[in-house]
Amino acid sequence: MSPEDTPPDEPEPEPGPPPRMFGPVYWTAIAFAVLCILGGLVIARFGPVWLAPATDHPTATESLGERPDSR
């Protein structure tokens, strides 16, 4: 018998449980991504209102006066 054919003196250790795929770091990253998306939606929706320059006169309802007819 050759040394390669002889059984080892110590049995190989059994593998432990498989690693957790969805640990706390994963859920923290998912929560951060959701917060970033929600923050972007809030800025897109309310940013023009909150960051608009303050004016004393309304520009959307202002009359343009007499204008020539378009062709």
PDB file of N, CA and C in Angstrom:
ATOM      1  N   MET A   1       0.828  -1.182   0.000  1.00  0.00           N
ATOM      2  CA  MET A   1       0.000   0.000   0.000  1.00  0.00           C
ATOM      3  C   MET A   1       0.870   1.241   0.000  1.00  0.00           C
ATOM      4  N   SER A   2       0.467   2.205  -0.756  1.00  0.00           N
ATOM      5  CA  SER A   2       1.216   3.450  -0.799  1.00  0.00           C
ATOM      6  C   SER A   2       0.616   4.421   0.220  1.00  0.00           C
ATOM      7  N   PRO A   3       1.348   5.468   0.581  1.00  0.00           N
ATOM      8  CA  PRO A   3       0.826   6.430   1.565  1.00  0.00           C
ATOM      9  C   PRO A   3      -0.424   7.164   1.073  1.00  0.00           C
ATOM     10  N   GLU A   4      -0.603   7.230  -0.228  1.00  0.00           N
ATOM     11  CA  GLU A   4      -1.781   7.919  -0.746  1.00  0.00           C
ATOM     12  C   GLU A   4      -3.055   7.092  -0.550  1.00  0.00           C
ATOM     13  N   ASP A   5      -2.903   5.764  -0.454  1.00  0.00           N
ATOM     14  CA  ASP A   5      -4.066   4.891  -0.314  1.00  0.00           C
ATOM     15  C   ASP A   5      -4.502   4.729   1.135  1.00  0.00           C
ATOM     16  N   THR A   6      -3.681   5.089   2.064  1.00  0.00           N
ATOM     17  CA  THR A   6      -4.027   4.897   3.476  1.00  0.00           C
ATOM     18  C   THR A   6      -4.992   5.991   3.917  1.00  0.00           C
ATOM     19  N   PRO A   7      -5.950   5.674   4.759  1.00  0.00           N
ATOM     20  CA  PRO A   7      -6.886   6.695   5.233  1.00  0.00           C
ATOM     21  C   PRO A   7      -6.168   7.689   6.151  1.00  0.00           C
ATOM     22  N   PRO A   8      -6.610   8.920   6.171  1.00  0.00           N
ATOM     23  CA  PRO A   8      -5.959   9.904   7.038  1.00  0.00           C
ATOM     24  C   PRO A   8      -6.212   9.571   8.510  1.00  0.00           C
ATOM     25  N   ASP A   9      -5.279  10.035   9.345  1.00  0.00           N
ATOM     26  CA  ASP A   9      -5.402   9.782  10.784  1.00  0.00           C
ATOM     27  C   ASP A   9      -6.576  10.569  11.375  1.00  0.00           C
ATOM     28  N   GLU A  10      -6.753  11.785  10.915  1.00  0.00           N
ATOM     29  CA  GLU A  10      -7.831  12.618  11.449  1.00  0.00           C
ATOM     30  C   GLU A  10      -8.899  12.788  10.372  1.00  0.00           C
ATOM     31  N   PRO A  11     -10.132  12.639  10.734  1.00  0.00           N
ATOM     32  CA  PRO A  11     -11.161  12.876   9.728  1.00  0.00           C
ATOM     33  C   PRO A  11     -11.244  14.371   9.400  1.00  0.00           C
ATOM     34  N   GLU A  12     -11.639  14.655   8.182  1.00  0.00           N
ATOM     35  CA  GLU A  12     -11.751  16.063   7.787  1.00  0.00           C
ATOM     36  C   GLU A  12     -12.929  16.698   8.517  1.00  0.00           C
ATOM     37  N   PRO A  13     -12.751  17.945   8.915  1.00  0.00           N
ATOM     38  CA  PRO A  13     -13.863  18.587   9.628  1.00  0.00           C
ATOM     39  C   PRO A  13     -15.065  18.764   8.696  1.00  0.00           C
ATOM     40  N   GLU A  14     -16.235  18.603   9.269  1.00  0.00           N
ATOM     41  CA  GLU A  14     -17.441  18.759   8.475  1.00  0.00           C
ATOM     42  C   GLU A  14     -17.668  20.238   8.207  1.00  0.00           C
ATOM     43  N   PRO A  15     -18.159  20.551   7.024  1.00  0.00           N
ATOM     44  CA  PRO A  15     -18.393  21.972   6.737  1.00  0.00           C
ATOM     45  C   PRO A  15     -19.495  22.533   7.634  1.00  0.00           C
ATOM     46  N   GLY A  16     -19.334  23.800   7.983  1.00  0.00           N
ATOM     47  CA  GLY A  16     -20.319  24.459   8.831  1.00  0.00           C
ATOM     48  C   GLY A  16     -21.546  24.843   8.030  1.00  0.00           C
ATOM     49  N   PRO A  17     -22.430  25.556   8.655  1.00  0.00           N
ATOM     50  CA  PRO A  17     -23.628  25.983   7.924  1.00  0.00           C
ATOM     51  C   PRO A  17     -23.241  26.960   6.818  1.00  0.00           C
ATOM     52  N   PRO A  18     -24.024  27.013   5.769  1.00  0.00           N
ATOM     53  CA  PRO A  18     -23.700  27.942   4.685  1.00  0.00           C
ATOM     54  C   PRO A  18     -23.801  29.396   5.174  1.00  0.00           C
ATOM     55  N   PRO A  19     -23.020  30.277   4.588  1.00  0.00           N
ATOM     56  CA  PRO A  19     -23.063  31.666   5.041  1.00  0.00           C
ATOM     57  C   PRO A  19     -24.424  32.291   4.740  1.00  0.00           C
ATOM     58  N   ARG A  20     -24.805  33.222   5.587  1.00  0.00           N
ATOM     59  CA  ARG A  20     -26.076  33.919   5.394  1.00  0.00           C
ATOM     60  C   ARG A  20     -25.949  34.866   4.215  1.00  0.00           C
ATOM     61  N   MET A  21     -26.902  34.811   3.317  1.00  0.00           N
ATOM     62  CA  MET A  21     -26.837  35.675   2.148  1.00  0.00           C
ATOM     63  C   MET A  21     -27.457  37.046   2.417  1.00  0.00           C
ATOM     64  N   PHE A  22     -28.448  37.094   3.276  1.00  0.00           N
ATOM     65  CA  PHE A  22     -29.150  38.344   3.535  1.00  0.00           C
ATOM     66  C   PHE A  22     -28.897  38.771   4.976  1.00  0.00           C
ATOM     67  N   GLY A  23     -27.693  39.200   5.240  1.00  0.00           N
ATOM     68  CA  GLY A  23     -27.319  39.640   6.567  1.00  0.00           C
ATOM     69  C   GLY A  23     -27.658  41.098   6.803  1.00  0.00           C
ATOM     70  N   PRO A  24     -27.235  41.648   7.930  1.00  0.00           N
ATOM     71  CA  PRO A  24     -27.559  43.040   8.253  1.00  0.00           C
ATOM     72  C   PRO A  24     -26.955  44.049   7.272  1.00  0.00           C
ATOM     73  N   VAL A  25     -25.803  43.769   6.718  1.00  0.00           N
ATOM     74  CA  VAL A  25     -25.186  44.701   5.772  1.00  0.00           C
ATOM     75  C   VAL A  25     -26.030  44.785   4.504  1.00  0.00           C
ATOM     76  N   TYR A  26     -26.561  43.675   4.061  1.00  0.00           N
ATOM     77  CA  TYR A  26     -27.422  43.656   2.876  1.00  0.00           C
ATOM     78  C   TYR A  26     -28.655  44.518   3.110  1.00  0.00           C
ATOM     79  N   TRP A  27     -29.324  44.330   4.226  1.00  0.00           N
ATOM     80  CA  TRP A  27     -30.552  45.085   4.493  1.00  0.00           C
ATOM     81  C   TRP A  27     -30.259  46.558   4.729  1.00  0.00           C
ATOM     82  N   THR A  28     -29.105  46.881   5.288  1.00  0.00           N
ATOM     83  CA  THR A  28     -28.715  48.283   5.445  1.00  0.00           C
ATOM     84  C   THR A  28     -28.522  48.925   4.078  1.00  0.00           C
ATOM     85  N   ALA A  29     -27.889  48.226   3.164  1.00  0.00           N
ATOM     86  CA  ALA A  29     -27.686  48.758   1.815  1.00  0.00           C
ATOM     87  C   ALA A  29     -29.016  48.922   1.085  1.00  0.00           C
ATOM     88  N   ILE A  30     -29.926  47.978   1.252  1.00  0.00           N
ATOM     89  CA  ILE A  30     -31.240  48.086   0.620  1.00  0.00           C
ATOM     90  C   ILE A  30     -32.000  49.280   1.187  1.00  0.00           C
ATOM     91  N   ALA A  31     -31.956  49.469   2.498  1.00  0.00           N
ATOM     92  CA  ALA A  31     -32.644  50.603   3.123  1.00  0.00           C
ATOM     93  C   ALA A  31     -32.049  51.924   2.637  1.00  0.00           C
ATOM     94  N   PHE A  32     -30.735  51.992   2.504  1.00  0.00           N
ATOM     95  CA  PHE A  32     -30.092  53.209   2.018  1.00  0.00           C
ATOM     96  C   PHE A  32     -30.518  53.502   0.579  1.00  0.00           C
ATOM     97  N   ALA A  33     -30.602  52.479  -0.250  1.00  0.00           N
ATOM     98  CA  ALA A  33     -31.016  52.664  -1.639  1.00  0.00           C
ATOM     99  C   ALA A  33     -32.461  53.164  -1.709  1.00  0.00           C
ATOM    100  N   VAL A  34     -33.332  52.613  -0.897  1.00  0.00           N
ATOM    101  CA  VAL A  34     -34.735  53.052  -0.885  1.00  0.00           C
ATOM    102  C   VAL A  34     -34.828  54.500  -0.420  1.00  0.00           C
ATOM    103  N   LEU A  35     -34.057  54.868   0.601  1.00  0.00           N
ATOM    104  CA  LEU A  35     -34.064  56.253   1.074  1.00  0.00           C
ATOM    105  C   LEU A  35     -33.550  57.215   0.004  1.00  0.00           C
ATOM    106  N   CYS A  36     -32.539  56.801  -0.748  1.00  0.00           N
ATOM    107  CA  CYS A  36     -32.028  57.652  -1.829  1.00  0.00           C
ATOM    108  C   CYS A  36     -33.077  57.844  -2.915  1.00  0.00           C
ATOM    109  N   ILE A  37     -33.784  56.793  -3.272  1.00  0.00           N
ATOM    110  CA  ILE A  37     -34.825  56.903  -4.289  1.00  0.00           C
ATOM    111  C   ILE A  37     -35.950  57.803  -3.799  1.00  0.00           C
ATOM    112  N   LEU A  38     -36.385  57.615  -2.562  1.00  0.00           N
ATOM    113  CA  LEU A  38     -37.444  58.465  -2.019  1.00  0.00           C
ATOM    114  C   LEU A  38     -36.990  59.918  -1.917  1.00  0.00           C
ATOM    115  N   GLY A  39     -35.743  60.136  -1.533  1.00  0.00           N
ATOM    116  CA  GLY A  39     -35.217  61.502  -1.477  1.00  0.00           C
ATOM    117  C   GLY A  39     -35.203  62.156  -2.843  1.00  0.00           C
ATOM    118  N   GLY A  40     -34.838  61.406  -3.861  1.00  0.00           N
ATOM    119  CA  GLY A  40     -34.869  61.938  -5.221  1.00  0.00           C
ATOM    120  C   GLY A  40     -36.275  62.288  -5.671  1.00  0.00           C
ATOM    121  N   LEU A  41     -37.237  61.444  -5.312  1.00  0.00           N
ATOM    122  CA  LEU A  41     -38.627  61.738  -5.657  1.00  0.00           C
ATOM    123  C   LEU A  41     -39.128  62.997  -4.949  1.00  0.00           C
ATOM    124  N   VAL A  42     -38.760  63.157  -3.685  1.00  0.00           N
ATOM    125  CA  VAL A  42     -39.183  64.346  -2.936  1.00  0.00           C
ATOM    126  C   VAL A  42     -38.562  65.608  -3.535  1.00  0.00           C
ATOM    127  N   ILE A  43     -37.295  65.535  -3.898  1.00  0.00           N
ATOM    128  CA  ILE A  43     -36.636  66.703  -4.504  1.00  0.00           C
ATOM    129  C   ILE A  43     -37.248  67.014  -5.866  1.00  0.00           C
ATOM    130  N   ALA A  44     -37.537  65.990  -6.650  1.00  0.00           N
ATOM    131  CA  ALA A  44     -38.140  66.229  -7.959  1.00  0.00           C
ATOM    132  C   ALA A  44     -39.537  66.828  -7.835  1.00  0.00           C
ATOM    133  N   ARG A  45     -40.277  66.406  -6.820  1.00  0.00           N
ATOM    134  CA  ARG A  45     -41.646  66.891  -6.656  1.00  0.00           C
ATOM    135  C   ARG A  45     -41.689  68.280  -6.013  1.00  0.00           C
ATOM    136  N   PHE A  46     -40.936  68.491  -4.932  1.00  0.00           N
ATOM    137  CA  PHE A  46     -41.038  69.726  -4.163  1.00  0.00           C
ATOM    138  C   PHE A  46     -39.871  70.686  -4.355  1.00  0.00           C
ATOM    139  N   GLY A  47     -38.813  70.272  -5.025  1.00  0.00           N
ATOM    140  CA  GLY A  47     -37.650  71.133  -5.218  1.00  0.00           C
ATOM    141  C   GLY A  47     -37.967  72.438  -5.912  1.00  0.00           C
ATOM    142  N   PRO A  48     -38.691  72.418  -7.021  1.00  0.00           N
ATOM    143  CA  PRO A  48     -39.012  73.689  -7.688  1.00  0.00           C
ATOM    144  C   PRO A  48     -39.839  74.631  -6.814  1.00  0.00           C
ATOM    145  N   VAL A  49     -40.657  74.087  -5.940  1.00  0.00           N
ATOM    146  CA  VAL A  49     -41.473  74.934  -5.060  1.00  0.00           C
ATOM    147  C   VAL A  49     -40.616  75.499  -3.927  1.00  0.00           C
ATOM    148  N   TRP A  50     -39.816  74.642  -3.320  1.00  0.00           N
ATOM    149  CA  TRP A  50     -39.017  75.064  -2.164  1.00  0.00           C
ATOM    150  C   TRP A  50     -37.849  75.962  -2.570  1.00  0.00           C
ATOM    151  N   LEU A  51     -37.274  75.737  -3.723  1.00  0.00           N
ATOM    152  CA  LEU A  51     -36.070  76.462  -4.121  1.00  0.00           C
ATOM    153  C   LEU A  51     -36.343  77.580  -5.123  1.00  0.00           C
ATOM    154  N   ALA A  52     -37.603  77.867  -5.395  1.00  0.00           N
ATOM    155  CA  ALA A  52     -37.945  78.926  -6.343  1.00  0.00           C
ATOM    156  C   ALA A  52     -37.592  80.278  -5.748  1.00  0.00           C
ATOM    157  N   PRO A  53     -37.091  81.203  -6.565  1.00  0.00           N
ATOM    158  CA  PRO A  53     -36.794  82.536  -6.034  1.00  0.00           C
ATOM    159  C   PRO A  53     -38.088  83.245  -5.637  1.00  0.00           C
ATOM    160  N   ALA A  54     -38.013  83.975  -4.554  1.00  0.00           N
ATOM    161  CA  ALA A  54     -39.186  84.703  -4.071  1.00  0.00           C
ATOM    162  C   ALA A  54     -39.395  85.936  -4.929  1.00  0.00           C
ATOM    163  N   THR A  55     -40.594  86.088  -5.471  1.00  0.00           N
ATOM    164  CA  THR A  55     -40.916  87.259  -6.285  1.00  0.00           C
ATOM    165  C   THR A  55     -42.179  87.901  -5.722  1.00  0.00           C
ATOM    166  N   ASP A  56     -42.302  89.201  -5.934  1.00  0.00           N
ATOM    167  CA  ASP A  56     -43.459  89.918  -5.448  1.00  0.00           C
ATOM    168  C   ASP A  56     -44.599  89.903  -6.448  1.00  0.00           C
ATOM    169  N   HIS A  57     -44.314  89.574  -7.676  1.00  0.00           N
ATOM    170  CA  HIS A  57     -45.361  89.601  -8.685  1.00  0.00           C
ATOM    171  C   HIS A  57     -45.510  88.216  -9.311  1.00  0.00           C
ATOM    172  N   PRO A  58     -46.715  87.823  -9.591  1.00  0.00           N
ATOM    173  CA  PRO A  58     -46.909  86.523 -10.231  1.00  0.00           C
ATOM    174  C   PRO A  58     -46.546  86.587 -11.708  1.00  0.00           C
ATOM    175  N   THR A  59     -45.788  85.647 -12.172  1.00  0.00           N
ATOM    176  CA  THR A  59     -45.373  85.659 -13.571  1.00  0.00           C
ATOM    177  C   THR A  59     -46.251  84.759 -14.426  1.00  0.00           C
ATOM    178  N   ALA A  60     -46.893  83.768 -13.830  1.00  0.00           N
ATOM    179  CA  ALA A  60     -47.679  82.831 -14.625  1.00  0.00           C
ATOM    180  C   ALA A  60     -48.989  83.459 -15.100  1.00  0.00           C
ATOM    181  N   THR A  61     -49.548  84.397 -14.338  1.00  0.00           N
ATOM    182  CA  THR A  61     -50.835  84.990 -14.714  1.00  0.00           C
ATOM    183  C   THR A  61     -50.668  86.386 -15.291  1.00  0.00           C
ATOM    184  N   GLU A  62     -49.443  86.792 -15.481  1.00  0.00           N
ATOM    185  CA  GLU A  62     -49.177  88.137 -15.986  1.00  0.00           C
ATOM    186  C   GLU A  62     -49.602  88.248 -17.450  1.00  0.00           C
ATOM    187  N   SER A  63     -50.245  89.340 -17.805  1.00  0.00           N
ATOM    188  CA  SER A  63     -50.698  89.554 -19.172  1.00  0.00           C
ATOM    189  C   SER A  63     -49.515  89.958 -20.045  1.00  0.00           C
ATOM    190  N   LEU A  64     -49.524  89.474 -21.256  1.00  0.00           N
ATOM    191  CA  LEU A  64     -48.446  89.804 -22.192  1.00  0.00           C
ATOM    192  C   LEU A  64     -48.774  91.043 -23.016  1.00  0.00           C
ATOM    193  N   GLY A  65     -49.968  91.568 -22.843  1.00  0.00           N
ATOM    194  CA  GLY A  65     -50.334  92.766 -23.586  1.00  0.00           C
ATOM    195  C   GLY A  65     -50.741  92.435 -25.010  1.00  0.00           C
ATOM    196  N   GLU A  66     -50.710  93.451 -25.839  1.00  0.00           N
ATOM    197  CA  GLU A  66     -51.086  93.256 -27.243  1.00  0.00           C
ATOM    198  C   GLU A  66     -49.975  92.574 -27.991  1.00  0.00           C
ATOM    199  N   ARG A  67     -50.342  91.514 -28.697  1.00  0.00           N
ATOM    200  CA  ARG A  67     -49.370  90.766 -29.485  1.00  0.00           C
ATOM    201  C   ARG A  67     -49.919  90.609 -30.890  1.00  0.00           C
ATOM    202  N   PRO A  68     -49.065  90.661 -31.848  1.00  0.00           N
ATOM    203  CA  PRO A  68     -49.552  90.445 -33.215  1.00  0.00           C
ATOM    204  C   PRO A  68     -49.980  88.998 -33.398  1.00  0.00           C
ATOM    205  N   ASP A  69     -50.932  88.795 -34.288  1.00  0.00           N
ATOM    206  CA  ASP A  69     -51.368  87.425 -34.562  1.00  0.00           C
ATOM    207  C   ASP A  69     -50.245  86.629 -35.205  1.00  0.00           C
ATOM    208  N   SER A  70     -50.188  85.390 -34.843  1.00  0.00           N
ATOM    209  CA  SER A  70     -49.139  84.546 -35.450  1.00  0.00           C
ATOM    210  C   SER A  70     -49.588  84.100 -36.838  1.00  0.00           C
ATOM    211  N   ARG A  71     -48.664  83.737 -37.668  1.00  0.00           N
ATOM    212  CA  ARG A  71     -48.980  83.343 -39.040  1.00  0.00           C
ATOM    213  C   ARG A  71     -49.445  81.945 -39.112  1.00  0.00           C
TER     214      ARG A  71
END
